[in-house]
Amino acid sequence: MRKKYAKSLGILYNGEDVLVYNDNFQQIREVKDNLLHKDYYISLVNRIPIDIDSIQNATIAINELLHHKFIMQDLRHRMIFTACALVAHKKGAKLENFKSLSFSLLKRQIIEVLENSYSEEKRTNEKLSIIKEQYKKITCDKDNDTLAIGSFIDNVITISRFIDSNAWNGTDVMSIFFNEFNRYLPKKPDYGQVFTPDHIVSLMYKITGTTHKDRVLDAACGSGAFLVSAMGEMISELGGRENQKAVLDICNNHLFGVEISKDLFTLACANMLIHKDGKTNIIQADSRDKEVCEWIKSKNITKVLMNPPYENKYGVYEIVENVLNNVSENAICAFLLPDNKLETKKDKVLKWLKKHSLLKIIKLPDIFAGKASASVSIFKAHESQNHKPIFACHIADDGLETVKNKGRQDIKANGVMSLSLIGLM
């Protein structure tokens, strides 16, 4: 087989177990246990490995170009413009043909591609409408620099070619992109958002026991990191994007989000559209409102993965309480909160515990580079605490190291998290 074909894959199946080997006779261990369609195994051979450095370098270059060559002052506008360019490229736009255009003409071309991609799917069109509304607000102070336009497009294409990679489910690419941009945010951004590092998003999915069978909510979804990560994990559990029926079901019925900021909502919509999904149930609204509570209640949520706004003035306690009160019975809810949040409003938390139970508190290492210290608090909805013990532990080391100008990275590629047990409360 190796002499005849450039790439080959060996599959052993005995009716119960599946073993897969590459053309160097090495076992591929991250495959699914059940036998899947042949397209899944072909995708293993053809996967494009994720090049973190290339994605980060392209993102840094894009930010520098938009900021200093086009004098686009607003960081969120730079993010939205780039995300829309990525959506346009995924929708079939030949961006390489736009290199000779001015900024204003490129901006017009991108929005025309988005408008032409409207479909009969109502929710997709609602997202595109809000993207268009925010996109129109983008301005720059310098219009004609075709050399910079060419560099911008080259870097967008560099990022885009990794997005559909089956390595890491194709989801981490946009997390790298957003996290790189977010390093330039002020210490106290609008609405009190602190963006979640990708490895913590993945950790929370796993420690809550979330699977493709769950209905997942993020009621402060920001740029959509938790939802896109959950989508990638669920799709992977069902054999990858080749299982189109399962993908459609996940996007339609298993992912739900709420975001108050129109800018961030735009990024979340773009993020979903980049991953070829316009159907996820994301709404632009305030999770403190009664109407949103009713909306959450109607969705039969079984898992919550979210990083609420940290400052009290943005309603962190009201949001957490509304989520707990309106998800399904026995839903597992993981909130990434500052270390002192539960202690600061002890009376309020004790009130919660009359209705719900706090199962675990997992203190995290310095994942926000000194901006905040945080813990994951895991609740079980609609089951009173009733003197049940609370498990607590400390992740002393997440295995990542700080790289100059690139933030914290898993440079050893081992993803090791060292657990230091604190004890039971």
Protein backbone atom coordinates (compact mmCIF):
# COMPACT_ATOMS: atom_id res chain seq x y z
CA MET A 1 0.00 0.00 0.00
CA ARG A 2 2.80 2.42 0.89
CA LYS A 3 4.51 1.78 -2.46
CA LYS A 4 1.31 2.41 -4.39
CA TYR A 5 -0.12 5.43 -2.56
CA ALA A 6 1.37 8.69 -1.23
CA LYS A 7 -0.68 8.34 1.97
CA SER A 8 -2.14 5.26 3.60
CA LEU A 9 -4.02 4.35 6.77
CA GLY A 10 -4.66 0.97 8.34
CA ILE A 11 -7.89 0.19 10.25
CA LEU A 12 -8.38 -2.91 12.37
CA TYR A 13 -11.93 -3.72 13.50
CA ASN A 14 -13.10 -6.84 15.31
CA GLY A 15 -16.76 -5.92 15.63
CA GLU A 16 -16.23 -4.01 18.87
CA ASP A 17 -12.87 -2.22 18.95
CA VAL A 18 -11.22 0.04 16.38
CA LEU A 19 -7.45 0.43 15.98
CA VAL A 20 -6.00 2.87 13.42
CA TYR A 21 -2.39 3.03 12.22
CA ASN A 22 -0.58 5.59 10.06
CA ASP A 23 1.79 4.71 7.23
CA ASN A 24 4.70 4.55 9.69
CA PHE A 25 2.88 1.75 11.53
CA GLN A 26 2.25 4.04 14.51
CA GLN A 27 -1.11 3.81 16.22
CA ILE A 28 -3.27 6.94 16.06
CA ARG A 29 -4.73 7.07 19.54
CA GLU A 30 -7.09 10.06 19.34
CA VAL A 31 -9.60 8.24 17.10
CA LYS A 32 -13.14 7.40 18.17
CA ASP A 33 -13.90 3.98 19.68
CA ASN A 34 -16.76 3.20 17.30
CA LEU A 35 -16.37 2.45 13.59
CA LEU A 36 -17.21 5.56 11.55
CA HIS A 37 -17.73 6.54 7.91
CA LYS A 38 -14.63 6.31 5.71
CA ASP A 39 -14.58 10.12 5.27
CA TYR A 40 -13.65 10.46 8.94
CA TYR A 41 -10.54 8.32 8.45
CA ILE A 42 -9.64 10.12 5.20
CA SER A 43 -9.78 13.39 7.14
CA LEU A 44 -7.22 11.98 9.59
CA VAL A 45 -4.78 11.49 6.73
CA ASN A 46 -5.45 14.88 5.16
CA ARG A 47 -5.55 16.98 8.32
CA ILE A 48 -3.59 20.22 8.25
CA PRO A 49 -1.48 20.51 11.40
CA ILE A 50 -2.13 23.67 13.41
CA ASP A 51 0.80 26.10 13.29
CA ILE A 52 0.31 28.30 16.35
CA ASP A 53 3.23 30.58 15.51
CA SER A 54 1.89 31.25 12.02
CA ILE A 55 -1.58 32.11 13.35
CA GLN A 56 -0.20 34.36 16.07
CA ASN A 57 2.24 36.10 13.75
CA ALA A 58 -0.52 36.67 11.18
CA THR A 59 -2.81 38.09 13.88
CA ILE A 60 -0.09 40.39 15.22
CA ALA A 61 0.65 41.59 11.66
CA ILE A 62 -3.06 42.25 10.99
CA ASN A 63 -3.44 44.26 14.19
CA GLU A 64 -0.33 46.31 13.38
CA LEU A 65 -1.45 46.96 9.80
CA LEU A 66 -4.95 48.07 10.71
CA HIS A 67 -3.77 50.16 13.64
CA HIS A 68 -0.74 51.88 12.14
CA LYS A 69 -1.17 51.71 8.36
CA PHE A 70 -4.91 52.40 8.19
CA ILE A 71 -5.09 54.33 11.49
CA MET A 72 -8.06 52.25 12.69
CA GLN A 73 -8.10 53.36 16.31
CA ASP A 74 -10.82 51.11 17.74
CA LEU A 75 -9.52 47.63 18.65
CA ARG A 76 -12.99 46.08 18.39
CA HIS A 77 -13.37 47.51 14.90
CA ARG A 78 -10.08 45.89 13.93
CA MET A 79 -11.33 42.56 15.25
CA ILE A 80 -14.73 42.84 13.54
CA PHE A 81 -13.22 43.88 10.21
CA THR A 82 -10.79 40.96 10.24
CA ALA A 83 -13.45 38.48 11.36
CA CYS A 84 -15.75 39.63 8.56
CA ALA A 85 -12.91 39.24 6.05
CA LEU A 86 -12.46 35.67 7.33
CA VAL A 87 -16.20 35.00 6.96
CA ALA A 88 -16.12 36.39 3.41
CA HIS A 89 -13.16 34.16 2.55
CA LYS A 90 -14.94 31.09 3.96
CA LYS A 91 -18.01 32.08 1.92
CA GLY A 92 -15.97 31.83 -1.28
CA ALA A 93 -14.67 35.36 -1.82
CA LYS A 94 -11.38 35.44 -3.74
CA LEU A 95 -9.66 37.90 -1.43
CA GLU A 96 -6.40 37.60 -3.36
CA ASN A 97 -8.17 39.44 -6.23
CA PHE A 98 -8.86 42.44 -3.97
CA LYS A 99 -5.25 43.39 -3.24
CA SER A 100 -5.26 46.43 -5.52
CA LEU A 101 -8.34 47.98 -3.86
CA SER A 102 -8.48 50.88 -1.44
CA PHE A 103 -9.65 50.19 2.10
CA SER A 104 -13.15 51.59 1.42
CA LEU A 105 -13.56 49.43 -1.70
CA LEU A 106 -12.29 46.32 0.13
CA LYS A 107 -14.76 47.04 2.93
CA ARG A 108 -17.57 47.28 0.35
CA GLN A 109 -16.53 44.03 -1.35
CA ILE A 110 -16.51 42.11 1.95
CA ILE A 111 -20.00 43.24 2.94
CA GLU A 112 -21.33 42.39 -0.54
CA VAL A 113 -20.06 38.83 -0.12
CA LEU A 114 -21.79 38.61 3.27
CA GLU A 115 -25.04 39.98 1.85
CA ASN A 116 -24.95 37.48 -1.02
CA SER A 117 -24.55 34.64 1.49
CA TYR A 118 -27.95 35.29 3.06
CA SER A 119 -29.99 32.12 3.07
CA GLU A 120 -33.51 30.95 3.83
CA GLU A 121 -32.36 30.21 7.38
CA LYS A 122 -33.86 33.05 9.43
CA ARG A 123 -31.36 32.88 12.30
CA THR A 124 -28.45 33.06 9.87
CA ASN A 125 -29.89 36.22 8.34
CA GLU A 126 -30.49 37.81 11.75
CA LYS A 127 -26.82 37.30 12.58
CA LEU A 128 -25.71 38.71 9.24
CA SER A 129 -27.95 41.75 9.77
CA ILE A 130 -26.34 42.58 13.10
CA ILE A 131 -22.86 41.97 11.66
CA LYS A 132 -23.72 44.42 8.86
CA GLU A 133 -24.99 47.01 11.36
CA GLN A 134 -21.76 46.94 13.39
CA TYR A 135 -19.60 46.61 10.28
CA LYS A 136 -20.94 49.92 8.91
CA LYS A 137 -19.52 51.73 11.95
CA ILE A 138 -15.93 50.77 11.07
CA THR A 139 -13.83 53.69 9.92
CA CYS A 140 -10.16 54.33 9.22
CA ASP A 141 -8.15 57.52 8.71
CA LYS A 142 -6.08 56.33 5.74
CA ASP A 143 -7.72 54.77 2.70
CA ASN A 144 -5.14 54.22 -0.05
CA ASP A 145 -2.30 51.85 0.80
CA THR A 146 -2.46 48.90 -1.57
CA LEU A 147 0.75 47.40 -0.19
CA ALA A 148 -0.81 47.24 3.27
CA ILE A 149 -4.08 45.88 1.80
CA GLY A 150 -2.10 43.09 0.13
CA SER A 151 -0.34 42.22 3.39
CA PHE A 152 -3.65 42.25 5.29
CA ILE A 153 -5.24 39.85 2.78
CA ASP A 154 -2.22 37.52 2.81
CA ASN A 155 -2.43 37.25 6.59
CA VAL A 156 -6.19 36.66 6.55
CA ILE A 157 -5.69 33.81 4.08
CA THR A 158 -2.91 32.38 6.31
CA ILE A 159 -5.33 32.19 9.26
CA SER A 160 -8.22 30.94 7.14
CA ARG A 161 -6.44 27.89 5.77
CA PHE A 162 -6.08 26.44 9.29
CA ILE A 163 -9.72 26.93 10.32
CA ASP A 164 -11.11 23.77 8.69
CA SER A 165 -8.27 21.63 9.96
CA ASN A 166 -9.44 18.47 11.71
CA ALA A 167 -6.51 18.85 14.08
CA TRP A 168 -7.97 20.28 17.31
CA ASN A 169 -11.40 20.16 15.60
CA GLY A 170 -10.55 23.39 13.78
CA THR A 171 -11.79 25.44 16.74
CA ASP A 172 -8.59 26.60 18.40
CA VAL A 173 -7.58 28.76 15.42
CA MET A 174 -10.12 31.47 16.22
CA SER A 175 -9.36 31.22 19.93
CA ILE A 176 -5.72 31.99 19.13
CA PHE A 177 -6.90 34.88 16.95
CA PHE A 178 -9.23 36.39 19.57
CA ASN A 179 -6.85 35.88 22.48
CA GLU A 180 -4.05 37.60 20.56
CA PHE A 181 -6.25 40.63 19.89
CA ASN A 182 -7.54 40.60 23.46
CA ARG A 183 -4.02 41.12 24.81
CA TYR A 184 -4.40 44.73 23.63
CA LEU A 185 -7.65 45.34 25.51
CA PRO A 186 -7.59 47.81 28.43
CA LYS A 187 -7.44 46.37 31.93
CA LYS A 188 -11.09 47.26 32.47
CA PRO A 189 -12.84 46.65 29.14
CA ASP A 190 -16.49 47.47 28.45
CA TYR A 191 -19.04 45.32 30.31
CA GLY A 192 -16.28 43.91 32.55
CA GLN A 193 -15.29 41.08 30.21
CA VAL A 194 -12.20 39.02 30.90
CA PHE A 195 -11.61 36.63 27.99
CA THR A 196 -11.09 32.96 28.81
CA PRO A 197 -7.88 31.22 27.67
CA ASP A 198 -8.58 28.33 25.35
CA HIS A 199 -7.13 25.58 27.55
CA ILE A 200 -9.45 26.66 30.40
CA VAL A 201 -12.45 26.55 28.06
CA SER A 202 -11.50 22.96 27.16
CA LEU A 203 -10.92 22.09 30.83
CA MET A 204 -14.39 23.30 31.84
CA TYR A 205 -16.01 21.24 29.07
CA LYS A 206 -14.28 18.12 30.37
CA ILE A 207 -14.68 18.57 34.14
CA THR A 208 -18.43 19.13 33.79
CA GLY A 209 -18.75 15.88 31.85
CA THR A 210 -20.29 17.71 28.89
CA THR A 211 -20.98 15.60 25.77
CA HIS A 212 -22.80 15.89 22.45
CA LYS A 213 -25.99 14.85 24.24
CA ASP A 214 -26.08 18.04 26.33
CA ARG A 215 -27.74 21.38 25.65
CA VAL A 216 -25.08 23.96 26.51
CA LEU A 217 -25.63 27.58 27.55
CA ASP A 218 -23.22 30.51 27.84
CA ALA A 219 -25.27 33.48 29.08
CA ALA A 220 -22.36 35.93 28.67
CA CYS A 221 -20.85 34.40 25.55
CA GLY A 222 -18.51 37.21 24.43
CA SER A 223 -16.83 36.18 21.18
CA GLY A 224 -18.28 32.66 21.49
CA ALA A 225 -15.24 30.73 22.75
CA PHE A 226 -17.19 28.31 24.96
CA LEU A 227 -19.84 27.64 22.30
CA VAL A 228 -17.37 27.11 19.46
CA SER A 229 -15.23 24.87 21.66
CA ALA A 230 -18.29 22.84 22.72
CA MET A 231 -19.37 22.60 19.08
CA GLY A 232 -15.94 21.28 18.09
CA GLU A 233 -15.85 18.74 20.93
CA MET A 234 -19.37 17.50 20.18
CA ILE A 235 -18.72 17.18 16.46
CA SER A 236 -15.50 15.30 17.18
CA GLU A 237 -17.35 12.89 19.48
CA LEU A 238 -19.67 12.03 16.59
CA GLY A 239 -16.94 11.44 14.02
CA GLY A 240 -16.13 14.88 12.67
CA ARG A 241 -17.75 17.21 10.14
CA GLU A 242 -18.27 14.34 7.71
CA ASN A 243 -21.25 13.34 9.87
CA GLN A 244 -23.35 16.20 8.48
CA LYS A 245 -26.63 15.11 10.06
CA ALA A 246 -25.05 15.15 13.54
CA VAL A 247 -23.40 18.53 12.88
CA LEU A 248 -26.75 20.02 11.88
CA ASP A 249 -28.42 18.66 15.02
CA ILE A 250 -25.67 20.05 17.28
CA CYS A 251 -25.84 23.51 15.72
CA ASN A 252 -29.64 23.64 15.79
CA ASN A 253 -30.40 22.07 19.14
CA HIS A 254 -27.43 21.94 21.50
CA LEU A 255 -25.73 25.38 21.69
CA PHE A 256 -27.23 28.53 23.19
CA GLY A 257 -25.73 31.92 23.96
CA VAL A 258 -26.59 35.41 25.20
CA GLU A 259 -24.40 38.52 24.82
CA ILE A 260 -25.28 42.11 25.72
CA SER A 261 -22.47 43.88 23.81
CA LYS A 262 -23.30 44.31 20.13
CA ASP A 263 -19.62 44.34 19.21
CA LEU A 264 -18.96 41.05 20.99
CA PHE A 265 -22.22 39.58 19.69
CA THR A 266 -21.01 40.45 16.18
CA LEU A 267 -17.75 38.61 16.85
CA ALA A 268 -19.63 35.59 18.22
CA CYS A 269 -21.85 35.48 15.12
CA ALA A 270 -18.83 35.83 12.84
CA ASN A 271 -17.07 33.09 14.80
CA MET A 272 -19.97 30.72 14.24
CA LEU A 273 -20.26 31.64 10.57
CA ILE A 274 -16.52 31.09 10.08
CA HIS A 275 -17.06 27.57 11.35
CA LYS A 276 -19.86 27.14 8.77
CA ASP A 277 -22.61 27.47 11.35
CA GLY A 278 -25.24 30.18 11.28
CA LYS A 279 -27.81 28.22 13.19
CA THR A 280 -26.61 28.29 16.79
CA ASN A 281 -29.11 29.99 19.08
CA ILE A 282 -27.25 33.17 20.09
CA ILE A 283 -29.26 36.26 21.02
CA GLN A 284 -28.16 39.85 21.66
CA ALA A 285 -29.74 40.62 25.02
CA ASP A 286 -29.16 41.22 28.75
CA SER A 287 -29.12 38.05 30.86
CA ARG A 288 -30.55 40.04 33.76
CA ASP A 289 -33.85 40.60 31.93
CA LYS A 290 -36.99 38.61 32.64
CA GLU A 291 -37.48 37.86 28.92
CA VAL A 292 -34.05 36.21 28.78
CA CYS A 293 -34.89 34.12 31.86
CA GLU A 294 -37.96 32.82 30.04
CA TRP A 295 -35.85 32.17 26.94
CA ILE A 296 -33.33 30.15 28.96
CA LYS A 297 -36.11 28.20 30.66
CA SER A 298 -37.59 27.23 27.28
CA LYS A 299 -34.29 25.70 26.06
CA ASN A 300 -34.01 22.81 28.58
CA ILE A 301 -30.36 23.57 29.31
CA THR A 302 -28.40 20.67 30.83
CA LYS A 303 -24.89 22.22 31.04
CA VAL A 304 -23.66 25.77 31.57
CA LEU A 305 -20.14 26.85 30.64
CA MET A 306 -19.51 30.55 31.13
CA ASN A 307 -17.27 33.36 32.29
CA PRO A 308 -19.65 36.09 33.55
CA PRO A 309 -18.63 39.77 33.70
CA TYR A 310 -16.56 40.22 36.86
CA GLU A 311 -17.61 43.65 38.13
CA ASN A 312 -20.76 43.95 40.25
CA LYS A 313 -22.09 46.90 38.22
CA TYR A 314 -22.48 44.57 35.23
CA GLY A 315 -24.70 42.20 37.20
CA VAL A 316 -22.49 39.19 37.82
CA TYR A 317 -24.65 37.94 40.73
CA GLU A 318 -27.95 38.56 38.94
CA ILE A 319 -26.70 36.73 35.85
CA VAL A 320 -25.49 33.69 37.81
CA GLU A 321 -28.71 33.55 39.82
CA ASN A 322 -30.91 33.86 36.73
CA VAL A 323 -29.02 31.06 35.02
CA LEU A 324 -29.25 28.73 38.03
CA ASN A 325 -32.97 29.42 38.48
CA ASN A 326 -33.91 28.81 34.85
CA VAL A 327 -31.86 25.86 33.60
CA SER A 328 -33.18 22.30 33.74
CA GLU A 329 -33.37 20.28 36.94
CA ASN A 330 -29.96 18.83 37.90
CA ALA A 331 -28.17 20.86 35.22
CA ILE A 332 -24.42 21.19 35.92
CA CYS A 333 -23.33 24.83 35.78
CA ALA A 334 -19.66 25.90 35.68
CA PHE A 335 -18.89 29.59 36.27
CA LEU A 336 -15.41 31.09 36.00
CA LEU A 337 -15.42 33.71 38.78
CA PRO A 338 -12.89 35.84 40.67
CA ASP A 339 -11.63 34.04 43.78
CA ASN A 340 -13.49 36.28 46.22
CA LYS A 341 -16.87 36.56 44.48
CA LEU A 342 -18.68 33.89 46.47
CA GLU A 343 -17.27 35.18 49.77
CA THR A 344 -18.01 38.86 49.09
CA LYS A 345 -21.77 38.29 48.84
CA LYS A 346 -22.01 35.39 51.28
CA ASP A 347 -25.65 36.10 52.17
CA LYS A 348 -26.65 35.98 48.52
CA VAL A 349 -24.73 32.74 47.91
CA LEU A 350 -26.30 31.12 50.99
CA LYS A 351 -29.66 32.03 49.51
CA TRP A 352 -28.68 30.26 46.28
CA LEU A 353 -27.67 27.17 48.25
CA LYS A 354 -31.21 26.79 49.56
CA LYS A 355 -32.23 25.99 45.97
CA HIS A 356 -29.00 24.78 44.36
CA SER A 357 -25.86 22.98 45.45
CA LEU A 358 -22.21 23.99 45.07
CA LEU A 359 -20.30 20.85 44.15
CA LYS A 360 -16.73 22.02 43.48
CA ILE A 361 -14.43 25.03 43.63
CA ILE A 362 -11.30 24.71 41.49
CA LYS A 363 -8.78 27.51 41.99
CA LEU A 364 -6.80 28.22 38.82
CA PRO A 365 -3.22 29.43 38.34
CA ASP A 366 -2.54 32.93 36.99
CA ILE A 367 -4.31 32.49 33.65
CA PHE A 368 -5.06 36.20 33.17
CA ALA A 369 -1.47 37.51 33.48
CA GLY A 370 -2.14 39.31 36.75
CA LYS A 371 -5.41 40.97 35.68
CA ALA A 372 -7.53 38.69 37.88
CA SER A 373 -7.26 35.52 39.93
CA ALA A 374 -10.07 33.09 39.27
CA SER A 375 -11.71 29.83 40.23
CA VAL A 376 -14.21 27.54 38.53
CA SER A 377 -17.33 27.11 40.69
CA ILE A 378 -19.48 24.15 39.70
CA PHE A 379 -23.14 24.09 40.79
CA LYS A 380 -25.93 21.56 40.44
CA ALA A 381 -29.20 23.35 39.75
CA HIS A 382 -32.42 22.77 41.68
CA GLU A 383 -30.88 20.53 44.32
CA SER A 384 -30.42 22.10 47.75
CA GLN A 385 -26.95 22.04 49.35
CA ASN A 386 -28.37 20.51 52.53
CA HIS A 387 -24.95 20.19 54.25
CA LYS A 388 -23.35 18.27 51.38
CA PRO A 389 -19.53 18.73 51.32
CA ILE A 390 -17.89 20.98 48.71
CA PHE A 391 -14.82 19.60 46.98
CA ALA A 392 -12.02 22.15 46.59
CA CYS A 393 -8.65 21.95 44.89
CA HIS A 394 -5.96 24.19 43.44
CA ILE A 395 -4.45 23.81 39.98
CA ALA A 396 -1.02 25.11 40.89
CA ASP A 397 0.46 24.91 37.40
CA ASP A 398 -1.28 24.71 34.03
CA GLY A 399 1.85 23.65 32.16
CA LEU A 400 1.96 26.87 30.13
CA GLU A 401 4.79 29.39 30.01
CA THR A 402 4.83 33.10 29.19
CA VAL A 403 6.39 33.83 25.79
CA LYS A 404 7.52 37.41 25.14
CA ASN A 405 4.91 39.35 23.10
CA LYS A 406 2.81 36.21 22.64
CA GLY A 407 1.28 35.58 26.04
CA ARG A 408 1.05 32.19 27.74
CA GLN A 409 1.61 29.13 25.56
CA ASP A 410 1.90 25.37 25.84
CA ILE A 411 5.43 25.44 24.43
CA LYS A 412 6.14 21.89 25.57
CA ALA A 413 2.93 20.70 23.91
CA ASN A 414 2.03 18.59 26.90
CA GLY A 415 -0.90 20.54 28.32
CA VAL A 416 -0.01 19.32 31.81
CA MET A 417 -1.97 20.78 34.71
CA SER A 418 -0.57 20.07 38.16
CA LEU A 419 -3.28 19.60 40.78
CA SER A 420 -2.60 20.57 44.37
CA LEU A 421 -5.38 19.23 46.58
CA ILE A 422 -6.64 21.69 49.17
CA GLY A 423 -9.28 19.49 50.75
CA LEU A 424 -12.97 19.41 51.51
CA MET A 425 -14.96 22.34 52.86
